[in-house]
Amino acid sequence: MNLLRALGTVSSLTLVSRVLGFVRDWVIARSFGAGMATDAFFVAFRLPNLLRRMFAEGAFSQAFVPILAEYQRQQSPEETRTLISRVATLLGLVVLGISILGMIFTPFIIWLTAPGFAADADKFALTVSLTRITFPYIFFMSLVALAGGILNTWSRFAIPAFTPALLNIAFIAMSLFAAPYFDEPVRALAWAVIIGGVLQLVVQFWPLVKMGLLPRFDFAPADAAVRRIATLMLPAMLGVSVAQISLVINTVFASFLQSGSVSWLYYADRLMEFPAGLLGAALGTILLPGLAKRHADGDQSGFSRLLDHGLRLALLLTLPAALALALLGTPLLSTLFQHGAFSGDDVRQTHAALIAYSFGLPGLIAVKILAPGFYARQDIRTPTRFAIISLCATQAMNALFVFGLPRLGLPAHAGLALSIGLASLLNASLLARGLLRRGDYTPQTGWRVFLLRIALALLALAAVLVWGAGDTDAWLAAATRQRVLHLCWLVPAGIGVYFAALFALGFRLRDFRRA
């Protein structure tokens, strides 16, 4: 596996999805703004998203992919197909039951996760209604994660990387064409979630058919491999849910803040997730099956080199992205979202959250690189323990920042973003320390020179962005065409200066082409 080539494939297709995601958010911001309706929808969508990551992309993938890679390496094709069918059957039945229970107990769930909404009967009722529509999303996405895990294990990264684009297409189409036909237009967004989930599942059927790996119904919960996966999933669910629980608790805090706080955090998170998805999620997706195969083959040296290479690539690309988000927040947010109901004040409030998030972006992406080092060895408990420590630190910082930042003249909702960012750095530090102490990861030579070169290139990037951006208030008053034209030269200039500085300092592309 050539890591750089695989990253290019996954990142380029993820880029399509992320660009469509910005179009989607632009359409939503223009159509619905930031207020009661969008707060209700974002809370409603966050709940099935939490369960999706617990049962699908997070815990399930972490438990399933290493064992599937082991079967692919050591067992017959028929035994591998049987494993896939039995896992798919049990997973589908479990998440279907959870979806039904979630729809039944939605009012109680909303009361727990967004208690501040209870003071407004209309807002609470709308959130309950939207959540009931979106809850079955977890069923479709769990099966999508199963299909994606199979394809990634066979190094078929392209289709799983592209499928999220279908959800964004569903959002855009429903917002533009279906919203006027609903008594409450925001309901169109809830139905877009379900449509997007169905589309993502359908598009992965054909590749599995061609590979002869399409699951069939085979209920065998006592199967030894299925029980191994279930055993690994329990701590993985806790580890993944820690991050999601942190977001839910932040929503609880935000529900008591001024109206729009949930939406400001959402839009800042969406912008921050652009590099997180292109780099962190893409590298994590690629590294997990690669590391699992090296572990199954007993290749400790290759295991360590692959981790080291992934970390260097991540830092090389993540640090400038974090700096750019902090310095260009107002230009980016005003260009993308300041249309229709989304005001200049919404831009300022969202930028405050974005700056706070950007501090933790390197840690967030490093976690995506380091955690697979444990998962590939079927060690779920250690990263789960570190995640719990990070959760406790997040909530301690929430209490400190939410009440402390307003005294300094800073918005309270930015404190919620800052606590998540700093906790990500803590989590990444704990993971790195754990891998180093166990001897699973030995850094290759040249790290000090590597970091010094990046630091110098970042200084050059910061100088260009500060000079080129100019007055932030001018961005809020400018026409959309002016903003777009300004960014069209400023962003490429920043990218060009950064990589030119790296080249002048001795970096060469061939250094990152080795497997």
Protein backbone atom coordinates (compact mmCIF):
# COMPACT_ATOMS: atom_id res chain seq x y z
CA MET A 1 0.00 0.00 0.00
CA ASN A 2 1.37 3.40 -0.99
CA LEU A 3 0.09 5.69 1.75
CA LEU A 4 0.40 8.90 -0.25
CA ARG A 5 -1.44 7.45 -3.26
CA ALA A 6 -4.20 5.98 -1.08
CA LEU A 7 -4.53 9.28 0.80
CA GLY A 8 -4.79 11.11 -2.53
CA THR A 9 -7.62 8.80 -3.67
CA VAL A 10 -9.60 9.00 -0.44
CA SER A 11 -8.98 12.71 0.13
CA SER A 12 -9.93 13.70 -3.42
CA LEU A 13 -13.26 11.88 -3.17
CA THR A 14 -13.77 13.15 0.37
CA LEU A 15 -13.13 16.64 -1.03
CA VAL A 16 -16.11 16.21 -3.35
CA SER A 17 -18.27 15.36 -0.34
CA ARG A 18 -16.89 18.26 1.73
CA VAL A 19 -17.42 20.78 -1.05
CA LEU A 20 -20.99 19.54 -1.40
CA GLY A 21 -21.21 19.80 2.38
CA PHE A 22 -20.37 23.49 2.20
CA VAL A 23 -22.94 23.93 -0.55
CA ARG A 24 -25.41 22.15 1.69
CA ASP A 25 -24.58 24.40 4.67
CA TRP A 26 -24.74 27.49 2.46
CA VAL A 27 -28.21 26.45 1.30
CA ILE A 28 -29.35 25.69 4.85
CA ALA A 29 -27.92 28.95 6.23
CA ARG A 30 -29.52 30.97 3.43
CA SER A 31 -32.88 29.24 3.76
CA PHE A 32 -33.18 28.83 7.52
CA GLY A 33 -30.55 31.11 9.14
CA ALA A 34 -29.55 30.43 12.77
CA GLY A 35 -32.50 30.31 15.12
CA MET A 36 -35.12 28.09 16.72
CA ALA A 37 -35.80 25.85 13.70
CA THR A 38 -32.12 25.14 12.94
CA ASP A 39 -31.30 24.65 16.63
CA ALA A 40 -34.09 22.04 16.75
CA PHE A 41 -32.86 20.25 13.64
CA PHE A 42 -29.19 20.20 14.64
CA VAL A 43 -30.10 18.70 18.01
CA ALA A 44 -32.39 16.18 16.29
CA PHE A 45 -29.69 15.17 13.80
CA ARG A 46 -26.98 14.98 16.45
CA LEU A 47 -28.71 12.17 18.34
CA PRO A 48 -28.83 9.58 15.52
CA ASN A 49 -25.35 10.77 14.55
CA LEU A 50 -24.14 9.86 18.04
CA LEU A 51 -25.59 6.36 17.73
CA ARG A 52 -24.29 6.05 14.17
CA ARG A 53 -20.76 6.65 15.39
CA MET A 54 -21.25 4.31 18.34
CA PHE A 55 -22.62 1.39 16.34
CA ALA A 56 -21.34 2.10 12.86
CA GLU A 57 -18.35 4.18 11.80
CA GLY A 58 -16.78 4.19 15.24
CA ALA A 59 -17.06 1.17 17.52
CA PHE A 60 -18.16 -1.31 14.88
CA SER A 61 -15.41 -0.46 12.39
CA GLN A 62 -12.75 -0.53 15.10
CA ALA A 63 -13.84 -4.00 16.21
CA PHE A 64 -14.78 -5.47 12.82
CA VAL A 65 -11.97 -4.39 10.48
CA PRO A 66 -9.01 -5.91 12.43
CA ILE A 67 -10.76 -9.29 12.73
CA LEU A 68 -11.93 -9.17 9.11
CA ALA A 69 -8.33 -8.41 8.04
CA GLU A 70 -7.16 -11.37 10.12
CA TYR A 71 -9.72 -13.63 8.42
CA GLN A 72 -8.75 -12.32 5.00
CA ARG A 73 -5.10 -13.16 5.75
CA GLN A 74 -5.50 -16.47 7.56
CA GLN A 75 -8.88 -18.07 6.72
CA SER A 76 -10.56 -19.37 3.58
CA PRO A 77 -12.78 -17.15 1.38
CA GLU A 78 -15.86 -19.13 2.42
CA GLU A 79 -15.14 -18.65 6.13
CA THR A 80 -14.63 -14.93 5.50
CA ARG A 81 -17.98 -14.67 3.68
CA THR A 82 -19.69 -16.50 6.54
CA LEU A 83 -18.22 -14.08 9.06
CA ILE A 84 -19.46 -11.09 7.03
CA SER A 85 -23.00 -12.51 6.79
CA ARG A 86 -23.26 -13.34 10.47
CA VAL A 87 -21.93 -9.96 11.57
CA ALA A 88 -24.24 -8.11 9.16
CA THR A 89 -27.30 -10.02 10.40
CA LEU A 90 -26.66 -9.36 14.08
CA LEU A 91 -25.69 -5.73 13.52
CA GLY A 92 -28.79 -5.02 11.43
CA LEU A 93 -31.16 -6.56 14.00
CA VAL A 94 -29.59 -4.70 16.93
CA VAL A 95 -29.61 -1.26 15.33
CA LEU A 96 -33.15 -1.78 13.99
CA GLY A 97 -34.31 -2.41 17.55
CA ILE A 98 -32.43 0.65 18.81
CA SER A 99 -34.02 2.81 16.10
CA ILE A 100 -37.52 1.70 17.12
CA LEU A 101 -36.82 2.31 20.82
CA GLY A 102 -35.37 5.71 20.04
CA MET A 103 -38.49 6.78 18.16
CA ILE A 104 -40.69 5.65 21.07
CA PHE A 105 -38.71 7.41 23.79
CA THR A 106 -37.75 10.54 21.84
CA PRO A 107 -39.38 13.09 24.24
CA PHE A 108 -37.43 11.71 27.17
CA ILE A 109 -34.19 11.70 25.14
CA ILE A 110 -34.64 15.34 24.12
CA TRP A 111 -35.42 16.30 27.70
CA LEU A 112 -32.09 14.74 28.73
CA THR A 113 -29.92 16.06 25.89
CA ALA A 114 -31.37 19.55 25.41
CA PRO A 115 -33.16 20.42 28.66
CA GLY A 116 -33.06 24.12 27.89
CA PHE A 117 -35.53 23.51 25.04
CA ALA A 118 -38.21 22.42 27.54
CA ALA A 119 -38.84 26.07 28.44
CA ASP A 120 -40.18 26.65 24.92
CA ALA A 121 -43.01 24.19 24.18
CA ASP A 122 -42.97 24.82 20.42
CA LYS A 123 -39.21 24.36 20.16
CA PHE A 124 -39.32 21.19 22.23
CA ALA A 125 -42.18 19.70 20.19
CA LEU A 126 -40.45 20.50 16.90
CA THR A 127 -37.21 18.88 18.10
CA VAL A 128 -39.07 15.72 19.14
CA SER A 129 -40.82 15.51 15.78
CA LEU A 130 -37.61 15.99 13.78
CA THR A 131 -35.74 13.44 15.89
CA ARG A 132 -38.37 10.77 15.28
CA ILE A 133 -37.99 11.27 11.54
CA THR A 134 -34.19 11.06 11.61
CA PHE A 135 -33.74 8.16 14.05
CA PRO A 136 -33.89 5.32 11.44
CA TYR A 137 -30.77 6.87 9.89
CA ILE A 138 -28.69 4.78 12.27
CA PHE A 139 -30.02 1.54 10.71
CA PHE A 140 -28.98 2.49 7.18
CA MET A 141 -25.64 3.94 8.23
CA SER A 142 -24.68 0.88 10.29
CA LEU A 143 -25.02 -1.26 7.18
CA VAL A 144 -23.15 1.40 5.18
CA ALA A 145 -20.29 1.16 7.72
CA LEU A 146 -20.28 -2.63 7.36
CA ALA A 147 -20.02 -2.37 3.58
CA GLY A 148 -17.35 0.33 3.85
CA GLY A 149 -15.30 -1.76 6.27
CA ILE A 150 -15.34 -4.68 3.82
CA LEU A 151 -14.35 -2.51 0.86
CA ASN A 152 -11.58 -0.75 2.80
CA THR A 153 -10.14 -4.07 3.98
CA TRP A 154 -9.88 -5.12 0.33
CA SER A 155 -8.23 -1.71 -0.37
CA ARG A 156 -11.28 -0.47 -2.32
CA PHE A 157 -11.23 2.98 -0.74
CA ALA A 158 -12.94 5.02 -3.46
CA ILE A 159 -16.63 4.13 -3.05
CA PRO A 160 -16.76 4.39 0.78
CA ALA A 161 -15.02 7.77 0.48
CA PHE A 162 -17.59 9.03 -2.04
CA THR A 163 -20.82 7.81 -0.43
CA PRO A 164 -21.12 10.68 2.14
CA ALA A 165 -21.61 13.02 -0.82
CA LEU A 166 -25.02 11.44 -1.37
CA LEU A 167 -26.27 12.72 1.99
CA ASN A 168 -25.21 16.25 1.06
CA ILE A 169 -26.96 15.94 -2.31
CA ALA A 170 -30.13 14.87 -0.50
CA PHE A 171 -29.89 17.89 1.83
CA ILE A 172 -29.39 20.32 -1.05
CA ALA A 173 -32.24 18.91 -3.13
CA MET A 174 -34.72 18.80 -0.24
CA SER A 175 -33.81 22.31 0.95
CA LEU A 176 -34.16 23.86 -2.50
CA PHE A 177 -37.11 21.97 -3.91
CA ALA A 178 -39.10 20.28 -1.14
CA ALA A 179 -38.97 22.68 1.84
CA PRO A 180 -41.77 24.99 0.58
CA TYR A 181 -44.18 22.05 0.51
CA PHE A 182 -43.88 21.31 4.25
CA ASP A 183 -45.99 23.13 6.85
CA GLU A 184 -42.71 23.61 8.74
CA PRO A 185 -39.98 23.86 6.05
CA VAL A 186 -37.24 22.56 8.36
CA ARG A 187 -38.89 19.11 8.19
CA ALA A 188 -37.45 18.78 4.70
CA LEU A 189 -34.00 18.54 6.30
CA ALA A 190 -35.11 15.65 8.52
CA TRP A 191 -36.43 13.68 5.54
CA ALA A 192 -33.20 14.44 3.67
CA VAL A 193 -31.35 12.50 6.37
CA ILE A 194 -33.36 9.35 5.66
CA ILE A 195 -33.11 9.72 1.88
CA GLY A 196 -29.35 10.20 2.13
CA GLY A 197 -28.98 7.10 4.31
CA VAL A 198 -30.87 4.94 1.80
CA LEU A 199 -28.81 6.25 -1.12
CA GLN A 200 -25.51 5.57 0.65
CA LEU A 201 -26.53 1.98 1.36
CA VAL A 202 -27.78 1.27 -2.16
CA VAL A 203 -24.64 2.58 -3.90
CA GLN A 204 -22.42 0.05 -2.06
CA PHE A 205 -24.48 -3.00 -3.01
CA TRP A 206 -23.02 -3.51 -6.48
CA PRO A 207 -19.30 -3.54 -5.50
CA LEU A 208 -20.04 -6.19 -2.85
CA VAL A 209 -21.97 -8.26 -5.40
CA LYS A 210 -19.05 -8.11 -7.85
CA MET A 211 -16.64 -9.17 -5.09
CA GLY A 212 -18.94 -12.01 -4.00
CA LEU A 213 -19.17 -10.53 -0.51
CA LEU A 214 -22.78 -9.34 -0.32
CA PRO A 215 -24.07 -10.53 3.10
CA ARG A 216 -26.94 -12.97 3.41
CA PHE A 217 -29.17 -13.54 6.43
CA ASP A 218 -27.30 -15.80 8.86
CA PHE A 219 -28.27 -15.39 12.51
CA ALA A 220 -25.51 -16.97 14.60
CA PRO A 221 -24.79 -14.79 17.66
CA ALA A 222 -22.87 -17.68 19.29
CA ASP A 223 -20.27 -17.77 16.50
CA ALA A 224 -16.79 -17.40 18.01
CA ALA A 225 -15.65 -14.59 15.68
CA VAL A 226 -18.95 -12.73 16.07
CA ARG A 227 -18.56 -12.93 19.84
CA ARG A 228 -14.99 -11.62 19.55
CA ILE A 229 -16.23 -8.63 17.59
CA ALA A 230 -19.05 -8.05 20.08
CA THR A 231 -16.57 -8.27 22.96
CA LEU A 232 -14.31 -5.70 21.29
CA MET A 233 -17.29 -3.47 20.48
CA LEU A 234 -18.32 -2.99 24.10
CA PRO A 235 -15.24 -0.98 25.14
CA ALA A 236 -15.09 0.57 21.65
CA MET A 237 -18.66 1.83 22.05
CA LEU A 238 -17.67 3.43 25.31
CA GLY A 239 -14.58 4.97 23.76
CA VAL A 240 -16.42 6.36 20.76
CA SER A 241 -19.41 7.45 22.80
CA VAL A 242 -17.10 9.42 25.09
CA ALA A 243 -16.42 11.88 22.27
CA GLN A 244 -20.07 11.96 21.29
CA ILE A 245 -21.23 12.28 24.89
CA SER A 246 -18.93 15.27 25.14
CA LEU A 247 -20.73 16.85 22.18
CA VAL A 248 -24.13 16.08 23.72
CA ILE A 249 -23.10 17.62 27.03
CA ASN A 250 -21.89 20.66 25.12
CA THR A 251 -25.34 20.82 23.52
CA VAL A 252 -26.85 20.76 27.01
CA PHE A 253 -24.67 23.75 27.95
CA ALA A 254 -25.43 25.51 24.66
CA SER A 255 -29.19 25.01 25.07
CA PHE A 256 -29.05 27.34 28.09
CA LEU A 257 -27.07 30.02 26.23
CA GLN A 258 -28.54 32.63 23.90
CA SER A 259 -30.58 31.45 20.94
CA GLY A 260 -28.35 30.55 18.00
CA SER A 261 -25.50 29.13 20.10
CA VAL A 262 -26.16 25.56 18.94
CA SER A 263 -26.15 26.72 15.32
CA TRP A 264 -22.96 28.80 15.70
CA LEU A 265 -21.16 25.79 17.12
CA TYR A 266 -22.55 23.62 14.32
CA TYR A 267 -21.33 25.89 11.51
CA ALA A 268 -17.89 26.28 13.13
CA ASP A 269 -17.67 22.53 13.54
CA ARG A 270 -18.63 22.02 9.90
CA LEU A 271 -15.79 24.26 8.71
CA MET A 272 -13.34 22.61 11.08
CA GLU A 273 -14.41 19.16 9.86
CA PHE A 274 -13.30 20.01 6.32
CA PRO A 275 -9.61 19.36 7.03
CA ALA A 276 -10.53 16.79 9.68
CA GLY A 277 -12.37 14.72 7.08
CA LEU A 278 -9.86 15.21 4.28
CA LEU A 279 -6.91 14.29 6.48
CA GLY A 280 -7.83 12.68 9.78
CA ALA A 281 -10.75 10.51 8.72
CA ALA A 282 -9.08 9.62 5.42
CA LEU A 283 -5.77 8.61 7.01
CA GLY A 284 -7.52 6.72 9.81
CA THR A 285 -9.60 4.80 7.25
CA ILE A 286 -6.50 3.86 5.28
CA LEU A 287 -4.24 3.09 8.23
CA LEU A 288 -6.53 0.73 10.20
CA PRO A 289 -6.64 -2.14 7.65
CA GLY A 290 -2.98 -1.57 6.76
CA LEU A 291 -1.87 -1.73 10.38
CA ALA A 292 -4.13 -4.72 11.06
CA LYS A 293 -2.57 -6.65 8.17
CA ARG A 294 0.98 -5.87 9.39
CA HIS A 295 0.02 -7.01 12.88
CA ALA A 296 -1.47 -10.24 11.49
CA ASP A 297 1.76 -10.81 9.54
CA GLY A 298 3.95 -10.08 12.59
CA ASP A 299 5.64 -7.13 10.81
CA GLN A 300 6.41 -4.89 13.81
CA SER A 301 8.92 -2.75 11.92
CA GLY A 302 6.44 -2.08 9.10
CA PHE A 303 3.72 -1.36 11.68
CA SER A 304 5.86 1.33 13.33
CA ARG A 305 7.00 2.87 10.03
CA LEU A 306 3.43 3.14 8.77
CA LEU A 307 2.36 4.95 11.94
CA ASP A 308 5.33 7.32 11.72
CA HIS A 309 4.65 8.10 8.08
CA GLY A 310 0.97 8.76 8.82
CA LEU A 311 1.83 11.14 11.67
CA ARG A 312 4.26 13.15 9.54
CA LEU A 313 1.78 13.49 6.71
CA ALA A 314 -0.92 14.53 9.17
CA LEU A 315 1.16 17.25 10.83
CA LEU A 316 2.53 18.51 7.53
CA LEU A 317 -1.00 19.19 6.28
CA THR A 318 -2.97 19.77 9.51
CA LEU A 319 -0.95 22.54 11.14
CA PRO A 320 -1.32 24.97 8.20
CA ALA A 321 -5.03 24.11 7.99
CA ALA A 322 -5.54 24.97 11.68
CA LEU A 323 -3.64 28.24 11.27
CA ALA A 324 -5.61 29.18 8.17
CA LEU A 325 -8.98 28.48 9.85
CA ALA A 326 -8.07 30.75 12.76
CA LEU A 327 -6.77 33.61 10.57
CA LEU A 328 -9.29 33.37 7.71
CA GLY A 329 -12.40 32.53 9.75
CA THR A 330 -14.31 35.72 8.93
CA PRO A 331 -13.45 35.67 5.19
CA LEU A 332 -14.45 32.01 4.89
CA LEU A 333 -17.59 32.19 7.00
CA SER A 334 -18.88 35.40 5.42
CA THR A 335 -18.30 34.01 1.93
CA LEU A 336 -19.92 30.67 2.65
CA PHE A 337 -22.78 31.53 4.96
CA GLN A 338 -23.52 35.29 5.16
CA HIS A 339 -26.52 35.18 2.88
CA GLY A 340 -30.25 35.51 3.49
CA ALA A 341 -31.07 34.89 7.15
CA PHE A 342 -27.44 34.40 8.25
CA SER A 343 -26.23 37.80 9.50
CA GLY A 344 -22.88 39.46 10.08
CA ASP A 345 -23.28 38.92 13.81
CA ASP A 346 -23.77 35.20 13.14
CA VAL A 347 -20.43 35.28 11.28
CA ARG A 348 -18.66 36.91 14.25
CA GLN A 349 -20.15 34.48 16.75
CA THR A 350 -19.31 31.48 14.57
CA HIS A 351 -15.75 32.74 14.02
CA ALA A 352 -15.20 32.89 17.78
CA ALA A 353 -16.10 29.20 18.02
CA LEU A 354 -13.96 28.38 14.97
CA ILE A 355 -10.85 29.96 16.49
CA ALA A 356 -11.40 27.87 19.62
CA TYR A 357 -11.88 24.68 17.60
CA SER A 358 -8.73 25.33 15.54
CA PHE A 359 -6.50 24.97 18.61
CA GLY A 360 -7.51 21.33 18.87
CA LEU A 361 -7.52 20.40 15.18
CA PRO A 362 -3.99 18.88 15.23
CA GLY A 363 -4.94 16.80 18.25
CA LEU A 364 -8.22 15.71 16.68
CA ILE A 365 -6.45 14.44 13.56
CA ALA A 366 -3.57 12.90 15.52
CA VAL A 367 -6.12 10.83 17.45
CA LYS A 368 -7.39 9.45 14.12
CA ILE A 369 -3.82 8.35 13.32
CA LEU A 370 -2.75 7.04 16.73
CA ALA A 371 -5.90 5.21 17.85
CA PRO A 372 -5.73 2.69 14.95
CA GLY A 373 -2.33 1.69 16.38
CA PHE A 374 -4.28 0.17 19.28
CA TYR A 375 -7.33 -1.00 17.33
CA ALA A 376 -5.18 -2.90 14.81
CA ARG A 377 -3.84 -4.94 17.74
CA GLN A 378 -7.41 -5.49 18.97
CA ASP A 379 -6.71 -3.36 22.04
CA ILE A 380 -9.81 -1.23 22.49
CA ARG A 381 -9.61 -0.72 26.25
CA THR A 382 -6.52 1.49 26.33
CA PRO A 383 -7.79 4.22 23.95
CA THR A 384 -11.16 3.99 25.70
CA ARG A 385 -9.52 4.76 29.04
CA PHE A 386 -7.73 7.74 27.51
CA ALA A 387 -11.00 8.94 25.96
CA ILE A 388 -12.72 8.85 29.36
CA ILE A 389 -9.91 10.93 30.86
CA SER A 390 -10.38 13.42 28.00
CA LEU A 391 -14.13 13.53 28.63
CA CYS A 392 -13.61 14.40 32.28
CA ALA A 393 -11.13 17.10 31.28
CA THR A 394 -13.61 18.47 28.72
CA GLN A 395 -16.36 18.92 31.26
CA ALA A 396 -14.02 20.50 33.80
CA MET A 397 -12.93 22.99 31.13
CA ASN A 398 -16.58 23.56 30.09
CA ALA A 399 -17.44 24.70 33.60
CA LEU A 400 -14.35 26.92 33.67
CA PHE A 401 -14.68 28.47 30.21
CA VAL A 402 -18.46 28.93 29.94
CA PHE A 403 -18.52 30.99 33.12
CA GLY A 404 -15.03 32.45 32.83
CA LEU A 405 -14.82 33.66 29.22
CA PRO A 406 -17.78 36.12 29.46
CA ARG A 407 -15.95 37.87 32.29
CA LEU A 408 -13.13 38.50 29.82
CA GLY A 409 -15.54 39.82 27.21
CA LEU A 410 -15.47 36.60 25.15
CA PRO A 411 -18.57 34.62 24.08
CA ALA A 412 -19.54 31.68 26.28
CA HIS A 413 -20.24 29.28 23.42
CA ALA A 414 -16.61 29.60 22.27
CA GLY A 415 -15.60 28.07 25.59
CA LEU A 416 -17.46 24.89 24.66
CA ALA A 417 -15.46 24.64 21.44
CA LEU A 418 -12.18 25.39 23.20
CA SER A 419 -12.72 22.64 25.76
CA ILE A 420 -13.22 20.05 22.99
CA GLY A 421 -10.11 21.24 21.16
CA LEU A 422 -7.85 21.14 24.20
CA ALA A 423 -9.22 17.73 25.24
CA SER A 424 -8.34 16.40 21.76
CA LEU A 425 -4.73 17.47 22.32
CA LEU A 426 -4.74 15.70 25.68
CA ASN A 427 -6.16 12.53 24.14
CA ALA A 428 -3.57 12.51 21.36
CA SER A 429 -0.75 12.98 23.89
CA LEU A 430 -1.97 10.03 25.96
CA LEU A 431 -2.26 7.79 22.89
CA ALA A 432 1.24 8.68 21.68
CA ARG A 433 2.70 8.07 25.13
CA GLY A 434 0.94 4.69 25.33
CA LEU A 435 2.27 3.51 21.96
CA LEU A 436 5.79 4.66 22.81
CA ARG A 437 5.85 3.00 26.23
CA ARG A 438 4.63 -0.33 24.83
CA GLY A 439 7.18 -0.26 22.03
CA ASP A 440 4.49 -0.43 19.34
CA TYR A 441 5.73 2.82 17.85
CA THR A 442 9.34 3.91 17.49
CA PRO A 443 9.75 7.37 15.88
CA GLN A 444 11.96 7.41 12.82
CA THR A 445 14.95 9.74 12.73
CA GLY A 446 14.69 13.42 11.78
CA TRP A 447 11.66 14.57 13.80
CA ARG A 448 13.32 17.69 15.26
CA VAL A 449 14.40 18.99 11.87
CA PHE A 450 11.00 18.05 10.45
CA LEU A 451 9.11 20.13 13.06
CA LEU A 452 11.51 23.08 12.78
CA ARG A 453 10.98 23.26 9.01
CA ILE A 454 7.21 23.17 9.43
CA ALA A 455 7.36 25.94 12.06
CA LEU A 456 9.30 28.21 9.71
CA ALA A 457 6.89 27.50 6.85
CA LEU A 458 3.95 28.31 9.16
CA LEU A 459 5.47 31.71 9.96
CA ALA A 460 5.63 32.48 6.24
CA LEU A 461 2.02 31.31 5.81
CA ALA A 462 0.78 33.47 8.71
CA ALA A 463 2.48 36.57 7.28
CA VAL A 464 0.81 36.11 3.89
CA LEU A 465 -2.65 35.44 5.33
CA VAL A 466 -2.61 38.38 7.74
CA TRP A 467 -1.36 40.73 5.04
CA GLY A 468 -3.73 39.41 2.38
CA ALA A 469 -6.91 39.23 4.49
CA GLY A 470 -6.94 42.90 5.49
CA ASP A 471 -9.75 44.37 7.58
CA THR A 472 -12.26 41.77 8.80
CA ASP A 473 -15.16 44.25 8.92
CA ALA A 474 -14.68 44.88 5.20
CA TRP A 475 -15.47 41.22 4.54
CA LEU A 476 -18.84 41.56 6.27
CA ALA A 477 -19.76 44.58 4.14
CA ALA A 478 -18.41 43.26 0.83
CA ALA A 479 -20.52 41.74 -1.91
CA THR A 480 -20.37 37.98 -2.41
CA ARG A 481 -18.53 38.37 -5.71
CA GLN A 482 -15.81 40.46 -4.05
CA ARG A 483 -15.36 37.92 -1.28
CA VAL A 484 -15.08 35.02 -3.71
CA LEU A 485 -12.55 36.83 -5.92
CA HIS A 486 -10.49 37.82 -2.88
CA LEU A 487 -10.37 34.25 -1.58
CA CYS A 488 -9.59 32.93 -5.06
CA TRP A 489 -6.17 34.57 -4.93
CA LEU A 490 -5.56 34.62 -1.16
CA VAL A 491 -6.04 30.89 -0.49
CA PRO A 492 -3.80 29.72 -3.40
CA ALA A 493 -1.22 32.33 -2.38
CA GLY A 494 -1.13 30.96 1.16
CA ILE A 495 -0.86 27.36 -0.07
CA GLY A 496 1.86 28.33 -2.54
CA VAL A 497 3.94 30.21 0.03
CA TYR A 498 3.68 27.36 2.56
CA PHE A 499 4.82 24.65 0.16
CA ALA A 500 7.42 26.92 -1.44
CA ALA A 501 8.87 27.51 2.02
CA LEU A 502 8.88 23.76 2.67
CA PHE A 503 10.65 23.16 -0.64
CA ALA A 504 13.25 25.82 0.16
CA LEU A 505 13.81 24.15 3.52
CA GLY A 506 14.51 20.77 1.93
CA PHE A 507 11.17 18.94 1.71
CA ARG A 508 10.63 16.82 -1.42
CA LEU A 509 7.50 14.99 -2.56
CA ARG A 510 9.47 11.77 -3.05
CA ASP A 511 10.07 11.68 0.71
CA PHE A 512 6.36 10.92 1.16
CA ARG A 513 5.92 8.44 -1.66
CA ARG A 514 7.43 5.46 0.10
CA ALA A 515 5.00 2.79 1.23
